[in-house]
Amino acid sequence: GNAFEPMTMFRHAVSNVICSVVFGSRYSYNDTAFLELLDMIGNYISFFVSPIAMVYNTFPSVMLRLPGPHKKSLAECEKLKDYIRERVELHKQTLDPSCPRDYIDCFLTRGEKEKLSPENMYSDEDLVMSVFDLFGAGTVTTSNTLVFFLLILAKHPHIQAKVQEEIKAVVGAGRAPSTEDRLRMPYTNAVVHEMQRYHNNRTENFPRMTTQDIVFRGHTIPKDTVVIPVLSSVHTDPTQWENPNEFNPGHFLDGKGEFRKREAFMPFSAGKRMCPGEALARMELFLFL
């Protein structure tokens, strides 16, 4: 076969999945509006992972007053939010609370019920930001991981062959795979998990803040201290993984070849504020593979 660039294909496919969940509709890959949406997301992510973004996140009030490339990137972010706001307004005009079509409908319906609550977290702006986060975090991270999957399988053809054999035995050629198949495909499931462990998509997690004074390993961490967990240290910890620097699906298989969960596996972070798109991402990674 001929060489090809897979990132665009994966990015289009993953974005369309999110569009289907959030907006209730899918786009043709040649659709102008869809391509503009992808362009806005790409610009946002390019800024988000850049060194200037780290400075901006640390000193936002200062950076807003300074000229630089971040100004254009922030304008692109606002453009994406405006697009989401337009879709929210269109949903309001045709909303049927008894028959929600997508994520936006469900959010709007819940927001109406919580309208009088003093702790209402379902405002229109909350909706816009949650959709913004879904596109920002879900599109690039998942598509990047899928490209890495291709590289790993190409490098380890014996693993690729075992995955293909299991897919053929469980799914066959007469139907499309489903999420229910995962329970009957322990080796493929282990490969997906090991790829996420081995692939450091993000070395560090998003910042968190301590809610009270705490002593950790003899060090006092005061309340309201910003804490940034380093996820890569967990996934390469030799006390948790037999061969942390090797790609080995056996990390997630027991002696009988059945899938086993690992406590030190946290590609989506951990705790109450772990990645909200975890369930969707897990489903996508398995089905695309």
Protein backbone atom coordinates (compact mmCIF):
# COMPACT_ATOMS: atom_id res chain seq x y z
CA GLY A 1 0.00 0.00 0.00
CA ASN A 2 0.90 3.66 -0.17
CA ALA A 3 1.97 5.88 2.71
CA PHE A 4 -0.75 8.07 4.18
CA GLU A 5 -1.21 10.59 6.97
CA PRO A 6 -3.71 9.11 9.47
CA MET A 7 -4.10 12.05 11.86
CA THR A 8 -6.62 13.94 9.72
CA MET A 9 -8.75 10.82 9.27
CA PHE A 10 -8.81 10.08 13.00
CA ARG A 11 -9.43 13.71 13.94
CA HIS A 12 -12.40 13.91 11.57
CA ALA A 13 -13.87 10.65 12.86
CA VAL A 14 -13.42 11.46 16.56
CA SER A 15 -14.81 14.99 16.14
CA ASN A 16 -17.85 13.58 14.37
CA VAL A 17 -18.50 11.24 17.30
CA ILE A 18 -18.45 14.21 19.68
CA CYS A 19 -20.71 16.21 17.33
CA SER A 20 -23.17 13.31 17.33
CA VAL A 21 -23.22 13.13 21.14
CA VAL A 22 -23.30 16.89 21.75
CA PHE A 23 -25.21 18.31 18.79
CA GLY A 24 -27.23 15.26 17.79
CA SER A 25 -25.93 15.37 14.22
CA ARG A 26 -22.99 14.18 12.15
CA TYR A 27 -21.20 16.03 9.36
CA SER A 28 -19.81 15.10 5.97
CA TYR A 29 -16.02 15.25 6.11
CA ASN A 30 -16.17 17.84 3.32
CA ASP A 31 -18.73 20.02 5.10
CA THR A 32 -17.47 23.61 5.31
CA ALA A 33 -18.93 24.22 8.79
CA PHE A 34 -17.36 20.99 10.06
CA LEU A 35 -13.94 21.88 8.65
CA GLU A 36 -14.16 25.35 10.22
CA LEU A 37 -15.04 23.73 13.54
CA LEU A 38 -12.01 21.43 13.28
CA ASP A 39 -9.81 24.40 12.44
CA MET A 40 -11.01 26.28 15.53
CA ILE A 41 -10.42 23.24 17.74
CA GLY A 42 -6.96 22.72 16.25
CA ASN A 43 -5.96 26.33 16.89
CA TYR A 44 -7.23 26.12 20.46
CA ILE A 45 -5.29 22.92 21.16
CA SER A 46 -2.11 24.26 19.54
CA PHE A 47 -2.26 27.18 21.95
CA PHE A 48 -3.21 25.04 24.93
CA VAL A 49 -0.12 22.80 24.66
CA SER A 50 2.31 25.65 23.91
CA PRO A 51 4.76 27.16 26.45
CA ILE A 52 3.00 30.53 26.20
CA ALA A 53 -0.21 28.87 27.44
CA MET A 54 1.57 27.72 30.60
CA VAL A 55 2.62 31.31 31.26
CA TYR A 56 -0.91 32.51 30.52
CA ASN A 57 -2.46 29.97 32.91
CA THR A 58 -0.04 31.06 35.64
CA PHE A 59 -0.43 34.82 35.14
CA PRO A 60 -3.73 35.32 33.25
CA SER A 61 -4.37 38.89 34.40
CA VAL A 62 -0.88 39.97 33.32
CA MET A 63 -0.95 38.16 29.97
CA LEU A 64 -4.28 39.73 29.03
CA ARG A 65 -2.55 43.12 29.09
CA LEU A 66 0.46 42.05 27.02
CA PRO A 67 0.66 41.74 23.22
CA GLY A 68 1.69 38.46 21.64
CA PRO A 69 0.53 35.36 19.73
CA HIS A 70 -1.71 34.37 22.63
CA LYS A 71 -4.08 37.20 21.69
CA LYS A 72 -4.95 35.52 18.38
CA SER A 73 -5.30 32.12 20.06
CA LEU A 74 -7.63 33.51 22.71
CA ALA A 75 -9.71 35.11 19.95
CA GLU A 76 -9.98 31.67 18.30
CA CYS A 77 -11.17 30.23 21.62
CA GLU A 78 -13.91 32.86 21.79
CA LYS A 79 -14.86 32.08 18.20
CA LEU A 80 -15.35 28.42 19.14
CA LYS A 81 -17.43 29.39 22.18
CA ASP A 82 -19.59 31.66 20.00
CA TYR A 83 -20.23 28.74 17.65
CA ILE A 84 -21.31 26.58 20.60
CA ARG A 85 -23.58 29.38 21.88
CA GLU A 86 -25.29 29.51 18.48
CA ARG A 87 -25.96 25.77 18.62
CA VAL A 88 -27.33 26.09 22.16
CA GLU A 89 -29.77 28.81 21.04
CA LEU A 90 -30.93 26.65 18.13
CA HIS A 91 -31.54 23.78 20.53
CA LYS A 92 -33.62 26.00 22.82
CA GLN A 93 -35.98 26.81 19.96
CA THR A 94 -36.76 23.14 19.27
CA LEU A 95 -36.30 21.62 22.73
CA ASP A 96 -38.68 18.85 23.80
CA PRO A 97 -37.87 17.93 27.43
CA SER A 98 -39.71 14.61 27.08
CA CYS A 99 -37.50 13.52 24.18
CA PRO A 100 -33.90 14.76 24.49
CA ARG A 101 -31.87 14.41 21.30
CA ASP A 102 -28.37 14.92 22.64
CA TYR A 103 -26.14 16.25 25.41
CA ILE A 104 -27.26 19.86 24.95
CA ASP A 105 -30.94 18.92 25.28
CA CYS A 106 -30.25 16.93 28.47
CA PHE A 107 -28.25 19.82 29.95
CA LEU A 108 -30.95 22.40 29.12
CA THR A 109 -33.67 20.19 30.58
CA ARG A 110 -31.72 19.68 33.80
CA GLY A 111 -30.96 23.41 33.93
CA GLU A 112 -34.65 24.23 33.82
CA LYS A 113 -35.29 21.92 36.78
CA GLU A 114 -32.40 23.41 38.77
CA LYS A 115 -33.21 27.02 37.85
CA LEU A 116 -34.38 28.01 41.33
CA SER A 117 -31.67 26.11 43.18
CA PRO A 118 -29.09 28.33 44.93
CA GLU A 119 -26.38 25.89 43.81
CA ASN A 120 -27.47 25.76 40.18
CA MET A 121 -24.55 24.58 38.04
CA TYR A 122 -26.54 24.30 34.82
CA SER A 123 -26.41 27.81 33.42
CA ASP A 124 -26.05 28.44 29.69
CA GLU A 125 -22.43 29.46 30.18
CA ASP A 126 -21.73 26.26 32.13
CA LEU A 127 -23.15 24.37 29.15
CA VAL A 128 -20.98 26.27 26.67
CA MET A 129 -17.83 25.62 28.69
CA SER A 130 -18.58 21.92 29.19
CA VAL A 131 -19.07 21.46 25.42
CA PHE A 132 -15.92 23.52 24.82
CA ASP A 133 -13.98 21.20 27.12
CA LEU A 134 -15.41 18.09 25.44
CA PHE A 135 -14.20 19.23 22.04
CA GLY A 136 -10.87 20.51 23.30
CA ALA A 137 -9.98 17.51 25.43
CA GLY A 138 -11.75 14.81 23.44
CA THR A 139 -10.73 15.49 19.86
CA VAL A 140 -6.96 15.85 19.92
CA THR A 141 -6.10 13.53 22.80
CA THR A 142 -8.14 10.64 21.38
CA SER A 143 -6.92 11.10 17.80
CA ASN A 144 -3.30 11.40 18.98
CA THR A 145 -3.69 8.18 20.96
CA LEU A 146 -5.16 6.37 17.95
CA VAL A 147 -2.18 7.39 15.79
CA PHE A 148 0.11 6.07 18.53
CA PHE A 149 -1.89 2.82 18.45
CA LEU A 150 -1.02 2.42 14.77
CA LEU A 151 2.67 2.98 15.47
CA ILE A 152 2.74 0.46 18.30
CA LEU A 153 0.91 -2.23 16.32
CA ALA A 154 3.24 -1.68 13.35
CA LYS A 155 6.25 -2.04 15.65
CA HIS A 156 4.88 -5.20 17.30
CA PRO A 157 3.33 -7.31 14.50
CA HIS A 158 2.99 -10.35 16.78
CA ILE A 159 0.72 -8.31 19.09
CA GLN A 160 -1.20 -7.02 16.08
CA ALA A 161 -1.72 -10.60 14.89
CA LYS A 162 -3.10 -11.71 18.28
CA VAL A 163 -5.51 -8.76 18.38
CA GLN A 164 -6.67 -9.52 14.84
CA GLU A 165 -7.17 -13.18 15.72
CA GLU A 166 -9.30 -12.30 18.75
CA ILE A 167 -11.38 -9.80 16.75
CA LYS A 168 -11.99 -12.43 14.06
CA ALA A 169 -13.03 -15.02 16.66
CA VAL A 170 -15.41 -12.77 18.63
CA VAL A 171 -16.70 -10.22 16.12
CA GLY A 172 -16.17 -11.96 12.80
CA ALA A 173 -16.68 -10.32 9.43
CA GLY A 174 -20.47 -10.20 9.36
CA ARG A 175 -21.11 -7.33 11.78
CA ALA A 176 -19.62 -4.22 13.33
CA PRO A 177 -18.00 -4.44 16.79
CA SER A 178 -19.86 -3.21 19.89
CA THR A 179 -18.81 -2.17 23.37
CA GLU A 180 -20.31 -5.40 24.73
CA ASP A 181 -17.61 -7.34 22.85
CA ARG A 182 -14.96 -5.92 25.16
CA LEU A 183 -15.87 -8.36 27.94
CA ARG A 184 -15.16 -11.28 25.60
CA MET A 185 -11.92 -9.82 24.24
CA PRO A 186 -9.49 -9.69 27.19
CA TYR A 187 -6.32 -9.50 25.08
CA THR A 188 -7.57 -6.63 22.90
CA ASN A 189 -8.81 -4.84 26.02
CA ALA A 190 -5.39 -5.34 27.63
CA VAL A 191 -3.65 -3.92 24.54
CA VAL A 192 -5.84 -0.80 24.64
CA HIS A 193 -5.06 -0.27 28.33
CA GLU A 194 -1.34 -0.91 27.91
CA MET A 195 -1.20 1.58 25.05
CA GLN A 196 -2.68 4.26 27.31
CA ARG A 197 -0.21 3.42 30.07
CA TYR A 198 2.78 3.36 27.74
CA HIS A 199 1.77 6.48 25.82
CA ASN A 200 2.32 9.57 27.98
CA ASN A 201 -0.32 11.72 26.32
CA ARG A 202 0.03 14.16 29.19
CA THR A 203 3.03 14.02 31.50
CA GLU A 204 1.30 16.10 34.15
CA ASN A 205 -2.32 16.53 35.13
CA PHE A 206 -4.33 19.72 35.34
CA PRO A 207 -3.76 21.85 38.46
CA ARG A 208 -5.75 21.10 41.59
CA MET A 209 -6.00 22.96 44.90
CA THR A 210 -5.86 21.57 48.42
CA THR A 211 -9.05 22.09 50.43
CA GLN A 212 -7.32 21.89 53.81
CA ASP A 213 -3.87 21.79 55.41
CA ILE A 214 -2.30 18.39 54.91
CA VAL A 215 0.99 16.65 55.78
CA PHE A 216 2.38 14.49 52.96
CA ARG A 217 5.56 12.49 53.58
CA GLY A 218 6.66 14.90 56.27
CA HIS A 219 5.93 18.03 54.23
CA THR A 220 3.14 20.41 55.24
CA ILE A 221 1.00 21.55 52.30
CA PRO A 222 -1.17 24.53 53.32
CA LYS A 223 -4.80 24.92 52.31
CA ASP A 224 -5.38 26.51 48.85
CA THR A 225 -1.99 25.36 47.53
CA VAL A 226 -1.94 24.58 43.80
CA VAL A 227 -0.93 20.94 43.27
CA ILE A 228 -0.02 19.39 39.89
CA PRO A 229 0.10 15.57 39.88
CA VAL A 230 2.68 13.96 37.57
CA LEU A 231 0.80 11.06 35.98
CA SER A 232 3.83 9.71 34.12
CA SER A 233 5.46 8.85 37.45
CA VAL A 234 2.55 6.52 38.24
CA HIS A 235 2.60 4.75 34.88
CA THR A 236 6.36 4.13 35.03
CA ASP A 237 6.61 3.20 38.71
CA PRO A 238 8.64 -0.05 38.98
CA THR A 239 6.86 -0.93 42.22
CA GLN A 240 3.53 -1.02 40.34
CA TRP A 241 4.50 -2.43 36.94
CA GLU A 242 6.62 -5.48 36.17
CA ASN A 243 8.36 -3.91 33.16
CA PRO A 244 7.34 -0.23 33.13
CA ASN A 245 9.58 0.76 30.21
CA GLU A 246 8.38 -2.03 27.92
CA PHE A 247 5.15 -2.31 25.96
CA ASN A 248 3.60 -5.41 27.48
CA PRO A 249 -0.16 -6.19 27.36
CA GLY A 250 0.54 -8.78 30.06
CA HIS A 251 0.47 -5.94 32.57
CA PHE A 252 -3.32 -6.17 32.29
CA LEU A 253 -3.72 -9.96 32.08
CA ASP A 254 -3.81 -12.49 34.89
CA GLY A 255 -2.35 -15.99 34.85
CA LYS A 256 -5.44 -17.32 33.03
CA GLY A 257 -5.25 -14.71 30.29
CA GLU A 258 -8.24 -12.79 31.65
CA PHE A 259 -8.28 -9.02 31.87
CA ARG A 260 -7.31 -7.54 35.24
CA LYS A 261 -7.65 -3.96 36.46
CA ARG A 262 -4.62 -2.15 37.86
CA GLU A 263 -4.87 0.41 40.65
CA ALA A 264 -1.93 2.41 39.27
CA PHE A 265 -3.65 2.91 35.89
CA MET A 266 -4.98 6.46 35.64
CA PRO A 267 -4.72 7.94 32.13
CA PHE A 268 -7.84 9.98 32.83
CA SER A 269 -6.59 11.20 36.21
CA ALA A 270 -8.42 10.19 39.41
CA GLY A 271 -10.84 11.47 42.01
CA LYS A 272 -14.04 13.49 41.67
CA ARG A 273 -12.55 15.74 38.97
CA MET A 274 -11.21 13.06 36.67
CA CYS A 275 -11.76 13.48 32.92
CA PRO A 276 -15.51 13.86 32.22
CA GLY A 277 -15.05 12.26 28.80
CA GLU A 278 -13.51 9.05 30.14
CA ALA A 279 -16.44 6.77 29.24
CA LEU A 280 -16.66 8.15 25.69
CA ALA A 281 -12.89 7.95 25.16
CA ARG A 282 -12.69 4.35 26.41
CA MET A 283 -15.49 3.36 24.04
CA GLU A 284 -13.89 5.14 21.08
CA LEU A 285 -10.43 3.66 21.62
CA PHE A 286 -11.79 0.11 21.78
CA LEU A 287 -14.14 0.42 18.79
CA PHE A 288 -11.66 2.21 16.54
CA LEU A 289 -8.97 -0.37 17.27
